[in-house]
Amino acid sequence: MADQRTLAQLLQTPIEGYKDAIVVPAITADNFELKHGLLTLVQNKQFFGHDKEDPRA
């Protein structure tokens, strides 16, 4: 018997088992370094999160 699934169904990525692979690590640091350039960006709202924007620039 032929496969009766549509092309959209065939192209869907299986997601079973991926939930366990994505783990957010616990933050164990007691102190943080905030760089002046980052604070300036936040204060001036120069980073908008667009797709073509480089957040590390």
N, C-alpha and C. Protein backbone atom coordinates (compact mmCIF):
# COMPACT_ATOMS: atom_id res chain seq x y z
N MET A 1 0.85 -1.18 0.00
CA MET A 1 0.00 0.00 0.00
C MET A 1 0.89 1.24 0.00
N ALA A 2 0.53 2.23 -0.77
CA ALA A 2 1.32 3.45 -0.91
C ALA A 2 1.14 4.35 0.31
N ASP A 3 2.15 5.18 0.54
CA ASP A 3 2.10 6.14 1.65
C ASP A 3 1.11 7.24 1.29
N GLN A 4 0.08 7.43 2.08
CA GLN A 4 -0.99 8.37 1.78
C GLN A 4 -0.84 9.71 2.48
N ARG A 5 0.32 9.97 3.08
CA ARG A 5 0.52 11.25 3.76
C ARG A 5 0.75 12.37 2.75
N THR A 6 0.33 13.58 3.12
CA THR A 6 0.54 14.73 2.24
C THR A 6 1.99 15.18 2.34
N LEU A 7 2.41 16.04 1.42
CA LEU A 7 3.78 16.55 1.44
C LEU A 7 4.04 17.34 2.71
N ALA A 8 3.05 18.09 3.18
CA ALA A 8 3.21 18.86 4.42
C ALA A 8 3.44 17.93 5.61
N GLN A 9 2.76 16.81 5.64
CA GLN A 9 2.95 15.85 6.72
C GLN A 9 4.33 15.19 6.64
N LEU A 10 4.79 14.91 5.43
CA LEU A 10 6.09 14.28 5.26
C LEU A 10 7.23 15.22 5.65
N LEU A 11 7.03 16.52 5.49
CA LEU A 11 8.08 17.50 5.78
C LEU A 11 8.12 17.94 7.23
N GLN A 12 7.16 17.54 8.04
CA GLN A 12 7.15 17.93 9.45
C GLN A 12 8.27 17.21 10.19
N THR A 13 8.99 17.97 11.01
CA THR A 13 10.08 17.42 11.80
C THR A 13 9.52 16.72 13.02
N PRO A 14 9.95 15.49 13.27
CA PRO A 14 9.48 14.82 14.49
C PRO A 14 10.06 15.49 15.73
N ILE A 15 9.24 15.66 16.75
CA ILE A 15 9.71 16.36 17.96
C ILE A 15 9.74 15.44 19.18
N GLU A 16 9.48 14.17 18.99
CA GLU A 16 9.50 13.25 20.12
C GLU A 16 10.92 13.15 20.67
N GLY A 17 11.06 13.27 21.97
CA GLY A 17 12.35 13.11 22.61
C GLY A 17 13.22 14.36 22.66
N TYR A 18 12.82 15.45 22.01
CA TYR A 18 13.64 16.65 22.00
C TYR A 18 13.48 17.49 23.26
N LYS A 19 12.38 17.33 23.96
CA LYS A 19 12.15 18.12 25.16
C LYS A 19 13.23 17.87 26.20
N ASP A 20 13.67 16.63 26.32
CA ASP A 20 14.71 16.30 27.29
C ASP A 20 16.08 16.83 26.89
N ALA A 21 16.28 17.11 25.60
CA ALA A 21 17.58 17.58 25.13
C ALA A 21 17.79 19.07 25.40
N ILE A 22 16.72 19.82 25.59
CA ILE A 22 16.83 21.25 25.83
C ILE A 22 16.78 21.48 27.33
N VAL A 23 17.93 21.84 27.90
CA VAL A 23 18.03 22.02 29.34
C VAL A 23 18.59 23.41 29.63
N VAL A 24 17.91 24.17 30.44
CA VAL A 24 18.39 25.49 30.85
C VAL A 24 19.27 25.30 32.08
N PRO A 25 20.55 25.66 31.99
CA PRO A 25 21.43 25.44 33.14
C PRO A 25 21.09 26.39 34.29
N ALA A 26 21.33 25.93 35.48
CA ALA A 26 21.11 26.76 36.67
C ALA A 26 22.21 27.80 36.77
N ILE A 27 21.86 29.01 37.20
CA ILE A 27 22.84 30.08 37.38
C ILE A 27 23.37 29.97 38.80
N THR A 28 24.66 29.65 38.91
CA THR A 28 25.25 29.45 40.23
C THR A 28 26.21 30.57 40.62
N ALA A 29 26.36 31.57 39.76
CA ALA A 29 27.30 32.65 40.06
C ALA A 29 26.70 33.60 41.10
N ASP A 30 27.56 34.09 41.97
CA ASP A 30 27.12 35.04 43.00
C ASP A 30 27.31 36.49 42.56
N ASN A 31 28.13 36.70 41.56
CA ASN A 31 28.36 38.07 41.09
C ASN A 31 28.36 38.08 39.56
N PHE A 32 28.03 39.22 39.00
CA PHE A 32 27.93 39.36 37.56
C PHE A 32 28.68 40.61 37.13
N GLU A 33 29.17 40.58 35.90
CA GLU A 33 29.82 41.76 35.34
C GLU A 33 28.90 42.34 34.28
N LEU A 34 28.48 43.57 34.48
CA LEU A 34 27.68 44.28 33.50
C LEU A 34 28.58 45.27 32.79
N LYS A 35 28.71 45.07 31.49
CA LYS A 35 29.60 45.95 30.73
C LYS A 35 28.90 47.27 30.41
N HIS A 36 29.68 48.31 30.36
CA HIS A 36 29.16 49.66 30.14
C HIS A 36 28.43 49.75 28.80
N GLY A 37 28.96 49.10 27.77
CA GLY A 37 28.33 49.14 26.45
C GLY A 37 26.93 48.54 26.45
N LEU A 38 26.73 47.47 27.20
CA LEU A 38 25.42 46.85 27.30
C LEU A 38 24.43 47.77 28.00
N LEU A 39 24.88 48.40 29.06
CA LEU A 39 24.00 49.34 29.77
C LEU A 39 23.62 50.52 28.89
N THR A 40 24.57 50.98 28.09
CA THR A 40 24.30 52.09 27.17
C THR A 40 23.26 51.67 26.13
N LEU A 41 23.39 50.46 25.58
CA LEU A 41 22.41 49.97 24.61
C LEU A 41 21.01 49.91 25.22
N VAL A 42 20.92 49.41 26.43
CA VAL A 42 19.61 49.30 27.08
C VAL A 42 19.03 50.68 27.35
N GLN A 43 19.86 51.59 27.80
CA GLN A 43 19.37 52.94 28.11
C GLN A 43 18.94 53.68 26.85
N ASN A 44 19.69 53.50 25.76
CA ASN A 44 19.39 54.22 24.52
C ASN A 44 18.42 53.47 23.61
N LYS A 45 18.07 52.23 23.98
CA LYS A 45 17.16 51.40 23.19
C LYS A 45 17.65 51.25 21.76
N GLN A 46 18.94 50.99 21.58
CA GLN A 46 19.51 50.87 20.25
C GLN A 46 19.32 49.48 19.66
N PHE A 47 19.06 48.50 20.47
CA PHE A 47 18.85 47.14 19.98
C PHE A 47 17.38 46.81 20.06
N PHE A 48 16.79 46.48 18.92
CA PHE A 48 15.36 46.23 18.85
C PHE A 48 15.01 44.76 18.67
N GLY A 49 16.00 43.89 18.45
CA GLY A 49 15.74 42.46 18.30
C GLY A 49 15.28 42.04 16.93
N HIS A 50 15.54 42.86 15.91
CA HIS A 50 15.17 42.48 14.54
C HIS A 50 16.01 41.31 14.07
N ASP A 51 15.50 40.57 13.10
CA ASP A 51 16.19 39.38 12.59
C ASP A 51 17.57 39.72 12.03
N LYS A 52 17.71 40.86 11.39
CA LYS A 52 18.98 41.21 10.75
C LYS A 52 19.92 41.96 11.68
N GLU A 53 19.52 42.19 12.91
CA GLU A 53 20.36 42.89 13.89
C GLU A 53 21.28 41.90 14.58
N ASP A 54 22.52 42.28 14.78
CA ASP A 54 23.48 41.43 15.48
C ASP A 54 23.49 41.83 16.96
N PRO A 55 23.00 40.98 17.85
CA PRO A 55 22.95 41.35 19.27
C PRO A 55 24.33 41.43 19.91
N ARG A 56 25.36 40.89 19.24
CA ARG A 56 26.71 40.93 19.80
C ARG A 56 27.55 42.05 19.19
N ALA A 57 26.95 42.89 18.37
CA ALA A 57 27.71 43.98 17.73
C ALA A 57 27.90 45.14 18.67
